[in-house]
Amino acid sequence: MKAKRRLALCLVLLGFCVNIQAHPLKLSLCQIEYASEKQQLTIELRLFLMDVNEALVFDPDNNELGLGQPDEAPHAEGMLLGYLNRFYYIKANGKQLALKIKSMSLNGQGDDAALGLTFSYPSQEKITSLEIKNAVFTDLFFDQSNVVYVHVDDDSRSLMLNKKTPVHQLVY
């Protein structure tokens, strides 16, 4: 009986230790900005690199893709866009924008390293509606939250998208 208790205690402690090493925040940040005088829609997406690696190569500590680094693997951006196209989109005035990365940067170190992606689209017509789907990492983490800040001219809004509510539509 004591051996079973010790085994159970060891399993609980092992589970606790594994959770300590996991990334503590299950969060992404997206900022969408449209200024009619510039006729430009800009999207900035910030993702924890550990979560990106978990989604793409199933190992949060694996750095073989080298995303955002000088030695980035030739297929890394394609893998990332393939994943994003399944879980993320923006529709402006009912038309889905094709995801093409304008710039990519890596900020921070270790567990706090974040991959920053920028997408930019010329938009000659005024934005009357935006549909946003941000379900990144909800396939991996039940508690994933995706914060979205939207600025269209003088109108600013905040959204929290997750597994239960992955899509939201804004009308202007």
N, C-alpha and C. Protein backbone atom coordinates (compact mmCIF):
# COMPACT_ATOMS: atom_id res chain seq x y z
N MET A 1 0.82 -1.18 0.00
CA MET A 1 0.00 0.00 0.00
C MET A 1 0.87 1.25 0.00
N LYS A 2 1.96 1.25 0.82
CA LYS A 2 2.85 2.40 0.87
C LYS A 2 3.55 2.60 -0.47
N ALA A 3 3.89 1.53 -1.14
CA ALA A 3 4.55 1.63 -2.45
C ALA A 3 3.63 2.30 -3.46
N LYS A 4 2.33 1.98 -3.40
CA LYS A 4 1.37 2.61 -4.31
C LYS A 4 1.26 4.10 -4.03
N ARG A 5 1.28 4.48 -2.76
CA ARG A 5 1.20 5.90 -2.40
C ARG A 5 2.44 6.65 -2.89
N ARG A 6 3.60 6.02 -2.68
CA ARG A 6 4.84 6.66 -3.15
C ARG A 6 4.84 6.81 -4.66
N LEU A 7 4.38 5.80 -5.38
CA LEU A 7 4.30 5.86 -6.83
C LEU A 7 3.35 6.97 -7.26
N ALA A 8 2.19 7.04 -6.60
CA ALA A 8 1.22 8.09 -6.92
C ALA A 8 1.81 9.47 -6.65
N LEU A 9 2.51 9.63 -5.52
CA LEU A 9 3.15 10.90 -5.19
C LEU A 9 4.21 11.26 -6.22
N CYS A 10 5.00 10.29 -6.64
CA CYS A 10 6.03 10.54 -7.65
C CYS A 10 5.40 10.98 -8.97
N LEU A 11 4.31 10.34 -9.36
CA LEU A 11 3.63 10.71 -10.60
C LEU A 11 3.07 12.13 -10.53
N VAL A 12 2.51 12.50 -9.38
CA VAL A 12 1.99 13.85 -9.20
C VAL A 12 3.13 14.86 -9.27
N LEU A 13 4.24 14.58 -8.58
CA LEU A 13 5.38 15.49 -8.61
C LEU A 13 5.98 15.59 -10.00
N LEU A 14 6.07 14.48 -10.72
CA LEU A 14 6.57 14.49 -12.08
C LEU A 14 5.68 15.36 -12.98
N GLY A 15 4.38 15.18 -12.84
CA GLY A 15 3.44 16.01 -13.60
C GLY A 15 3.60 17.48 -13.28
N PHE A 16 3.82 17.80 -12.00
CA PHE A 16 4.03 19.18 -11.59
C PHE A 16 5.31 19.74 -12.20
N CYS A 17 6.38 18.96 -12.21
CA CYS A 17 7.65 19.41 -12.78
C CYS A 17 7.52 19.64 -14.28
N VAL A 18 6.82 18.79 -14.98
CA VAL A 18 6.62 18.97 -16.41
C VAL A 18 5.85 20.26 -16.67
N ASN A 19 4.85 20.55 -15.86
CA ASN A 19 4.07 21.77 -16.04
C ASN A 19 4.89 23.02 -15.74
N ILE A 20 5.85 22.95 -14.84
CA ILE A 20 6.69 24.10 -14.54
C ILE A 20 7.52 24.48 -15.76
N GLN A 21 7.99 23.49 -16.52
CA GLN A 21 8.81 23.78 -17.68
C GLN A 21 7.99 24.27 -18.87
N ALA A 22 6.69 24.04 -18.88
CA ALA A 22 5.84 24.48 -19.98
C ALA A 22 5.69 25.99 -19.94
N HIS A 23 5.43 26.57 -21.10
CA HIS A 23 5.26 28.02 -21.18
C HIS A 23 4.03 28.42 -20.37
N PRO A 24 4.17 29.38 -19.45
CA PRO A 24 3.08 29.70 -18.53
C PRO A 24 1.89 30.40 -19.17
N LEU A 25 2.10 31.24 -20.17
CA LEU A 25 0.99 31.98 -20.79
C LEU A 25 0.59 31.33 -22.09
N LYS A 26 -0.66 31.07 -22.25
CA LYS A 26 -1.19 30.56 -23.52
C LYS A 26 -1.94 31.72 -24.16
N LEU A 27 -1.17 32.56 -24.85
CA LEU A 27 -1.68 33.83 -25.31
C LEU A 27 -1.00 34.23 -26.62
N SER A 28 -1.76 34.84 -27.50
CA SER A 28 -1.19 35.50 -28.67
C SER A 28 -1.76 36.91 -28.71
N LEU A 29 -1.09 37.77 -29.42
CA LEU A 29 -1.52 39.16 -29.53
C LEU A 29 -1.56 39.55 -30.99
N CYS A 30 -2.66 40.17 -31.39
CA CYS A 30 -2.82 40.62 -32.76
C CYS A 30 -3.27 42.08 -32.73
N GLN A 31 -2.67 42.89 -33.57
CA GLN A 31 -3.11 44.27 -33.70
C GLN A 31 -3.41 44.54 -35.17
N ILE A 32 -4.61 45.03 -35.44
CA ILE A 32 -5.04 45.34 -36.80
C ILE A 32 -5.27 46.84 -36.85
N GLU A 33 -4.66 47.48 -37.82
CA GLU A 33 -4.77 48.93 -37.91
C GLU A 33 -5.07 49.35 -39.34
N TYR A 34 -6.09 50.20 -39.48
CA TYR A 34 -6.43 50.76 -40.79
C TYR A 34 -6.60 52.26 -40.65
N ALA A 35 -5.87 53.00 -41.46
CA ALA A 35 -6.01 54.45 -41.51
C ALA A 35 -6.41 54.82 -42.93
N SER A 36 -7.60 55.40 -43.07
CA SER A 36 -8.11 55.68 -44.42
C SER A 36 -7.23 56.67 -45.18
N GLU A 37 -6.58 57.62 -44.47
CA GLU A 37 -5.72 58.57 -45.19
C GLU A 37 -4.49 57.90 -45.79
N LYS A 38 -4.02 56.81 -45.17
CA LYS A 38 -2.87 56.06 -45.71
C LYS A 38 -3.31 54.96 -46.68
N GLN A 39 -4.60 54.62 -46.64
CA GLN A 39 -5.15 53.52 -47.45
C GLN A 39 -4.32 52.25 -47.29
N GLN A 40 -4.07 51.93 -46.03
CA GLN A 40 -3.22 50.79 -45.69
C GLN A 40 -3.80 50.04 -44.50
N LEU A 41 -3.90 48.72 -44.63
CA LEU A 41 -4.31 47.85 -43.53
C LEU A 41 -3.07 47.08 -43.09
N THR A 42 -2.72 47.22 -41.82
CA THR A 42 -1.53 46.56 -41.28
C THR A 42 -1.94 45.62 -40.16
N ILE A 43 -1.39 44.44 -40.18
CA ILE A 43 -1.68 43.43 -39.16
C ILE A 43 -0.36 43.00 -38.53
N GLU A 44 -0.30 43.06 -37.22
CA GLU A 44 0.86 42.58 -36.48
C GLU A 44 0.40 41.44 -35.59
N LEU A 45 1.09 40.34 -35.68
CA LEU A 45 0.75 39.14 -34.92
C LEU A 45 1.97 38.75 -34.10
N ARG A 46 1.79 38.55 -32.78
CA ARG A 46 2.86 38.15 -31.88
C ARG A 46 2.52 36.79 -31.29
N LEU A 47 3.44 35.84 -31.46
CA LEU A 47 3.25 34.47 -31.02
C LEU A 47 4.46 34.02 -30.22
N PHE A 48 4.24 33.31 -29.13
CA PHE A 48 5.38 32.75 -28.40
C PHE A 48 6.04 31.69 -29.28
N LEU A 49 7.36 31.78 -29.41
CA LEU A 49 8.10 30.87 -30.28
C LEU A 49 7.94 29.41 -29.84
N MET A 50 7.88 29.17 -28.53
CA MET A 50 7.68 27.80 -28.04
C MET A 50 6.37 27.22 -28.58
N ASP A 51 5.33 28.04 -28.61
CA ASP A 51 4.03 27.59 -29.09
C ASP A 51 4.07 27.33 -30.60
N VAL A 52 4.78 28.19 -31.33
CA VAL A 52 4.93 27.99 -32.78
C VAL A 52 5.65 26.67 -33.03
N ASN A 53 6.74 26.42 -32.31
CA ASN A 53 7.48 25.17 -32.49
C ASN A 53 6.62 23.95 -32.13
N GLU A 54 5.83 24.08 -31.08
CA GLU A 54 4.92 22.99 -30.68
C GLU A 54 3.92 22.69 -31.81
N ALA A 55 3.40 23.75 -32.42
CA ALA A 55 2.41 23.57 -33.49
C ALA A 55 3.02 23.01 -34.76
N LEU A 56 4.24 23.42 -35.09
CA LEU A 56 4.83 23.02 -36.37
C LEU A 56 5.65 21.74 -36.33
N VAL A 57 6.41 21.53 -35.25
CA VAL A 57 7.27 20.34 -35.18
C VAL A 57 7.03 19.51 -33.93
N PHE A 58 5.98 19.85 -33.19
CA PHE A 58 5.54 19.09 -32.01
C PHE A 58 6.58 19.01 -30.90
N ASP A 59 7.46 20.02 -30.86
CA ASP A 59 8.49 20.08 -29.82
C ASP A 59 8.76 21.56 -29.51
N PRO A 60 8.30 22.04 -28.35
CA PRO A 60 8.45 23.48 -28.04
C PRO A 60 9.90 23.95 -27.94
N ASP A 61 10.82 23.06 -27.64
CA ASP A 61 12.22 23.45 -27.48
C ASP A 61 13.05 23.26 -28.75
N ASN A 62 12.44 22.76 -29.82
CA ASN A 62 13.15 22.50 -31.06
C ASN A 62 13.37 23.82 -31.80
N ASN A 63 14.59 24.04 -32.26
CA ASN A 63 14.90 25.28 -32.97
C ASN A 63 15.37 25.00 -34.40
N GLU A 64 15.04 23.83 -34.93
CA GLU A 64 15.54 23.48 -36.26
C GLU A 64 14.96 24.37 -37.36
N LEU A 65 13.78 24.96 -37.14
CA LEU A 65 13.21 25.85 -38.16
C LEU A 65 13.91 27.21 -38.17
N GLY A 66 14.37 27.66 -37.02
CA GLY A 66 15.09 28.93 -36.93
C GLY A 66 14.26 30.13 -37.35
N LEU A 67 12.97 30.09 -37.10
CA LEU A 67 12.09 31.19 -37.52
C LEU A 67 12.58 32.54 -36.98
N GLY A 68 12.63 33.52 -37.86
CA GLY A 68 13.05 34.86 -37.49
C GLY A 68 14.54 35.02 -37.26
N GLN A 69 15.32 34.00 -37.60
CA GLN A 69 16.76 34.04 -37.38
C GLN A 69 17.49 34.00 -38.73
N PRO A 70 18.73 34.44 -38.77
CA PRO A 70 19.48 34.43 -40.05
C PRO A 70 19.60 33.04 -40.68
N ASP A 71 19.64 31.99 -39.85
CA ASP A 71 19.78 30.63 -40.38
C ASP A 71 18.44 29.91 -40.51
N GLU A 72 17.38 30.67 -40.76
CA GLU A 72 16.04 30.09 -40.89
C GLU A 72 16.01 29.02 -42.00
N ALA A 73 15.37 27.91 -41.69
CA ALA A 73 15.25 26.82 -42.67
C ALA A 73 14.44 27.30 -43.87
N PRO A 74 14.80 26.86 -45.08
CA PRO A 74 14.10 27.33 -46.29
C PRO A 74 12.59 27.04 -46.29
N HIS A 75 12.17 25.97 -45.63
CA HIS A 75 10.76 25.59 -45.62
C HIS A 75 10.00 26.14 -44.42
N ALA A 76 10.67 26.86 -43.52
CA ALA A 76 10.06 27.29 -42.27
C ALA A 76 8.89 28.24 -42.47
N GLU A 77 9.07 29.26 -43.30
CA GLU A 77 7.99 30.23 -43.52
C GLU A 77 6.78 29.56 -44.16
N GLY A 78 7.00 28.65 -45.07
CA GLY A 78 5.90 27.91 -45.70
C GLY A 78 5.12 27.08 -44.69
N MET A 79 5.85 26.43 -43.78
CA MET A 79 5.18 25.65 -42.72
C MET A 79 4.34 26.55 -41.83
N LEU A 80 4.91 27.71 -41.46
CA LEU A 80 4.20 28.65 -40.61
C LEU A 80 2.94 29.17 -41.31
N LEU A 81 3.06 29.56 -42.56
CA LEU A 81 1.89 30.05 -43.30
C LEU A 81 0.84 28.95 -43.48
N GLY A 82 1.28 27.72 -43.69
CA GLY A 82 0.34 26.60 -43.78
C GLY A 82 -0.48 26.45 -42.52
N TYR A 83 0.20 26.55 -41.37
CA TYR A 83 -0.50 26.47 -40.08
C TYR A 83 -1.45 27.65 -39.91
N LEU A 84 -0.94 28.86 -40.14
CA LEU A 84 -1.78 30.06 -39.97
C LEU A 84 -3.00 30.03 -40.88
N ASN A 85 -2.85 29.57 -42.10
CA ASN A 85 -4.00 29.53 -43.02
C ASN A 85 -5.12 28.61 -42.53
N ARG A 86 -4.79 27.68 -41.66
CA ARG A 86 -5.82 26.80 -41.09
C ARG A 86 -6.54 27.44 -39.91
N PHE A 87 -5.83 28.31 -39.18
CA PHE A 87 -6.37 28.80 -37.91
C PHE A 87 -6.54 30.32 -37.82
N TYR A 88 -6.19 31.04 -38.87
CA TYR A 88 -6.20 32.50 -38.78
C TYR A 88 -6.59 33.10 -40.12
N TYR A 89 -7.49 34.06 -40.10
CA TYR A 89 -7.75 34.85 -41.30
C TYR A 89 -8.36 36.19 -40.93
N ILE A 90 -8.27 37.11 -41.88
CA ILE A 90 -8.91 38.42 -41.79
C ILE A 90 -9.68 38.60 -43.09
N LYS A 91 -10.95 38.97 -42.97
CA LYS A 91 -11.75 39.34 -44.13
C LYS A 91 -12.08 40.83 -44.00
N ALA A 92 -11.66 41.60 -44.99
CA ALA A 92 -11.98 43.03 -45.02
C ALA A 92 -13.06 43.24 -46.07
N ASN A 93 -14.18 43.80 -45.65
CA ASN A 93 -15.33 44.01 -46.55
C ASN A 93 -15.74 42.72 -47.26
N GLY A 94 -15.68 41.62 -46.51
CA GLY A 94 -16.11 40.32 -47.03
C GLY A 94 -15.08 39.56 -47.84
N LYS A 95 -13.91 40.15 -48.09
CA LYS A 95 -12.88 39.51 -48.91
C LYS A 95 -11.73 39.06 -48.01
N GLN A 96 -11.42 37.76 -48.08
CA GLN A 96 -10.33 37.24 -47.26
C GLN A 96 -8.99 37.69 -47.81
N LEU A 97 -8.15 38.19 -46.91
CA LEU A 97 -6.82 38.65 -47.29
C LEU A 97 -5.86 37.47 -47.32
N ALA A 98 -5.09 37.37 -48.39
CA ALA A 98 -4.08 36.30 -48.50
C ALA A 98 -2.94 36.62 -47.54
N LEU A 99 -2.54 35.64 -46.76
CA LEU A 99 -1.47 35.85 -45.80
C LEU A 99 -0.11 35.80 -46.51
N LYS A 100 0.57 36.92 -46.51
CA LYS A 100 1.92 37.01 -47.05
C LYS A 100 2.71 37.85 -46.06
N ILE A 101 3.73 37.26 -45.47
CA ILE A 101 4.50 37.92 -44.43
C ILE A 101 5.35 39.04 -45.03
N LYS A 102 5.14 40.24 -44.51
CA LYS A 102 5.96 41.39 -44.94
C LYS A 102 7.27 41.42 -44.16
N SER A 103 7.18 41.17 -42.86
CA SER A 103 8.40 41.10 -42.04
C SER A 103 8.20 40.14 -40.89
N MET A 104 9.32 39.60 -40.42
CA MET A 104 9.32 38.65 -39.30
C MET A 104 10.47 39.04 -38.38
N SER A 105 10.20 39.05 -37.07
CA SER A 105 11.26 39.37 -36.11
C SER A 105 11.13 38.47 -34.90
N LEU A 106 12.23 38.30 -34.21
CA LEU A 106 12.26 37.48 -33.01
C LEU A 106 12.71 38.37 -31.86
N ASN A 107 11.92 38.42 -30.80
CA ASN A 107 12.23 39.26 -29.64
C ASN A 107 12.23 38.41 -28.39
N GLY A 108 13.11 38.72 -27.45
CA GLY A 108 13.18 37.98 -26.20
C GLY A 108 14.05 36.75 -26.32
N GLN A 109 14.13 36.02 -25.20
CA GLN A 109 14.97 34.83 -25.15
C GLN A 109 14.26 33.72 -24.39
N GLY A 110 14.69 32.51 -24.64
CA GLY A 110 14.18 31.35 -23.91
C GLY A 110 12.67 31.22 -24.01
N ASP A 111 12.03 30.95 -22.87
CA ASP A 111 10.58 30.75 -22.85
C ASP A 111 9.81 32.00 -23.24
N ASP A 112 10.44 33.16 -23.13
CA ASP A 112 9.77 34.42 -23.43
C ASP A 112 9.99 34.90 -24.86
N ALA A 113 10.68 34.14 -25.68
CA ALA A 113 10.93 34.54 -27.06
C ALA A 113 9.60 34.61 -27.82
N ALA A 114 9.40 35.73 -28.51
CA ALA A 114 8.17 35.94 -29.26
C ALA A 114 8.50 36.20 -30.73
N LEU A 115 7.72 35.57 -31.59
CA LEU A 115 7.87 35.75 -33.02
C LEU A 115 6.87 36.83 -33.45
N GLY A 116 7.39 37.88 -34.05
CA GLY A 116 6.53 38.96 -34.53
C GLY A 116 6.38 38.88 -36.03
N LEU A 117 5.14 38.89 -36.50
CA LEU A 117 4.85 38.84 -37.93
C LEU A 117 4.08 40.09 -38.32
N THR A 118 4.43 40.67 -39.46
CA THR A 118 3.70 41.82 -39.96
C THR A 118 3.18 41.49 -41.35
N PHE A 119 1.92 41.82 -41.56
CA PHE A 119 1.26 41.68 -42.86
C PHE A 119 0.76 43.07 -43.23
N SER A 120 0.84 43.45 -44.50
CA SER A 120 0.43 44.78 -44.91
C SER A 120 -0.32 44.69 -46.24
N TYR A 121 -1.42 45.44 -46.33
CA TYR A 121 -2.27 45.38 -47.52
C TYR A 121 -2.72 46.78 -47.91
N PRO A 122 -2.51 47.16 -49.17
CA PRO A 122 -3.09 48.43 -49.61
C PRO A 122 -4.62 48.27 -49.68
N SER A 123 -5.35 49.29 -49.30
CA SER A 123 -6.81 49.20 -49.31
C SER A 123 -7.37 50.54 -49.74
N GLN A 124 -7.77 50.63 -51.00
CA GLN A 124 -8.29 51.89 -51.52
C GLN A 124 -9.74 52.12 -51.13
N GLU A 125 -10.47 51.05 -50.83
CA GLU A 125 -11.84 51.25 -50.39
C GLU A 125 -11.91 51.31 -48.87
N LYS A 126 -12.82 52.10 -48.37
CA LYS A 126 -12.98 52.27 -46.93
C LYS A 126 -13.39 50.94 -46.29
N ILE A 127 -12.87 50.65 -45.12
CA ILE A 127 -13.22 49.43 -44.40
C ILE A 127 -14.61 49.61 -43.79
N THR A 128 -15.54 48.74 -44.19
CA THR A 128 -16.90 48.77 -43.63
C THR A 128 -17.15 47.58 -42.73
N SER A 129 -16.36 46.52 -42.90
CA SER A 129 -16.50 45.36 -42.03
C SER A 129 -15.19 44.59 -41.97
N LEU A 130 -14.96 43.97 -40.83
CA LEU A 130 -13.82 43.07 -40.64
C LEU A 130 -14.33 41.80 -39.98
N GLU A 131 -13.93 40.67 -40.52
CA GLU A 131 -14.18 39.40 -39.86
C GLU A 131 -12.82 38.84 -39.50
N ILE A 132 -12.66 38.51 -38.24
CA ILE A 132 -11.38 38.05 -37.73
C ILE A 132 -11.53 36.65 -37.15
N LYS A 133 -10.72 35.74 -37.65
CA LYS A 133 -10.63 34.41 -37.05
C LYS A 133 -9.23 34.29 -36.49
N ASN A 134 -9.13 34.05 -35.20
CA ASN A 134 -7.84 33.80 -34.58
C ASN A 134 -8.00 32.62 -33.63
N ALA A 135 -7.75 31.45 -34.18
CA ALA A 135 -7.83 30.21 -33.40
C ALA A 135 -6.45 29.57 -33.28
N VAL A 136 -5.38 30.39 -33.43
CA VAL A 136 -4.03 29.82 -33.34
C VAL A 136 -3.84 29.16 -31.98
N PHE A 137 -3.27 28.00 -32.02
CA PHE A 137 -2.90 27.18 -30.87
C PHE A 137 -4.09 26.64 -30.07
N THR A 138 -5.32 26.94 -30.46
CA THR A 138 -6.46 26.36 -29.75
C THR A 138 -6.57 24.87 -30.01
N ASP A 139 -5.90 24.38 -31.06
CA ASP A 139 -5.85 22.95 -31.32
C ASP A 139 -4.89 22.25 -30.36
N LEU A 140 -3.99 23.01 -29.75
CA LEU A 140 -2.98 22.45 -28.86
C LEU A 140 -3.28 22.67 -27.38
N PHE A 141 -3.82 23.84 -27.05
CA PHE A 141 -3.99 24.25 -25.66
C PHE A 141 -5.44 24.63 -25.39
N PHE A 142 -6.08 23.96 -24.43
CA PHE A 142 -7.49 24.23 -24.14
C PHE A 142 -7.70 25.63 -23.60
N ASP A 143 -6.67 26.23 -22.97
CA ASP A 143 -6.82 27.54 -22.34
C ASP A 143 -6.19 28.66 -23.16
N GLN A 144 -5.95 28.43 -24.44
CA GLN A 144 -5.35 29.45 -25.31
C GLN A 144 -6.31 30.63 -25.47
N SER A 145 -5.78 31.84 -25.30
CA SER A 145 -6.53 33.07 -25.54
C SER A 145 -5.77 33.89 -26.56
N ASN A 146 -6.52 34.49 -27.48
CA ASN A 146 -5.92 35.30 -28.53
C ASN A 146 -6.51 36.70 -28.46
N VAL A 147 -5.71 37.64 -27.99
CA VAL A 147 -6.14 39.02 -27.83
C VAL A 147 -5.99 39.73 -29.17
N VAL A 148 -7.03 40.46 -29.57
CA VAL A 148 -7.02 41.20 -30.82
C VAL A 148 -7.40 42.65 -30.55
N TYR A 149 -6.53 43.56 -30.94
CA TYR A 149 -6.82 45.00 -30.88
C TYR A 149 -7.06 45.47 -32.30
N VAL A 150 -8.17 46.17 -32.52
CA VAL A 150 -8.53 46.65 -33.85
C VAL A 150 -8.68 48.16 -33.80
N HIS A 151 -7.96 48.84 -34.69
CA HIS A 151 -8.04 50.30 -34.80
C HIS A 151 -8.40 50.63 -36.25
N VAL A 152 -9.60 51.12 -36.47
CA VAL A 152 -10.02 51.56 -37.79
C VAL A 152 -10.32 53.04 -37.67
N ASP A 153 -9.44 53.85 -38.26
CA ASP A 153 -9.47 55.31 -38.11
C ASP A 153 -9.54 55.67 -36.63
N ASP A 154 -10.61 56.25 -36.16
CA ASP A 154 -10.70 56.67 -34.75
C ASP A 154 -11.43 55.66 -33.87
N ASP A 155 -11.83 54.54 -34.41
CA ASP A 155 -12.59 53.52 -33.68
C ASP A 155 -11.63 52.42 -33.23
N SER A 156 -11.53 52.21 -31.92
CA SER A 156 -10.67 51.15 -31.37
C SER A 156 -11.50 50.15 -30.58
N ARG A 157 -11.21 48.87 -30.80
CA ARG A 157 -11.93 47.81 -30.10
C ARG A 157 -10.96 46.71 -29.69
N SER A 158 -11.34 45.99 -28.64
CA SER A 158 -10.54 44.87 -28.15
C SER A 158 -11.40 43.62 -28.17
N LEU A 159 -10.78 42.51 -28.56
CA LEU A 159 -11.48 41.23 -28.61
C LEU A 159 -10.63 40.17 -27.92
N MET A 160 -11.31 39.16 -27.39
CA MET A 160 -10.62 37.99 -26.83
C MET A 160 -11.21 36.78 -27.55
N LEU A 161 -10.42 36.16 -28.41
CA LEU A 161 -10.87 34.99 -29.16
C LEU A 161 -10.23 33.74 -28.57
N ASN A 162 -10.97 32.64 -28.61
CA ASN A 162 -10.48 31.39 -28.01
C ASN A 162 -11.14 30.21 -28.71
N LYS A 163 -11.02 29.04 -28.13
CA LYS A 163 -11.57 27.82 -28.73
C LYS A 163 -13.10 27.91 -28.90
N LYS A 164 -13.79 28.47 -27.91
CA LYS A 164 -15.26 28.58 -27.99
C LYS A 164 -15.71 29.69 -28.93
N THR A 165 -14.93 30.76 -29.01
CA THR A 165 -15.28 31.91 -29.85
C THR A 165 -14.07 32.28 -30.70
N PRO A 166 -13.85 31.54 -31.81
CA PRO A 166 -12.66 31.79 -32.61
C PRO A 166 -12.82 32.91 -33.65
N VAL A 167 -14.07 33.32 -33.93
CA VAL A 167 -14.33 34.29 -35.00
C VAL A 167 -15.20 35.42 -34.45
N HIS A 168 -14.89 36.64 -34.91
CA HIS A 168 -15.72 37.79 -34.53
C HIS A 168 -15.81 38.72 -35.75
N GLN A 169 -16.98 39.32 -35.91
CA GLN A 169 -17.18 40.25 -37.02
C GLN A 169 -17.47 41.64 -36.47
N LEU A 170 -16.79 42.63 -37.07
CA LEU A 170 -16.99 44.03 -36.72
C LEU A 170 -17.57 44.76 -37.93
N VAL A 171 -18.56 45.60 -37.68
CA VAL A 171 -19.17 46.40 -38.76
C VAL A 171 -18.98 47.86 -38.41
N TYR A 172 -18.56 48.63 -39.41
CA TYR A 172 -18.31 50.06 -39.22
C TYR A 172 -19.27 50.89 -40.03
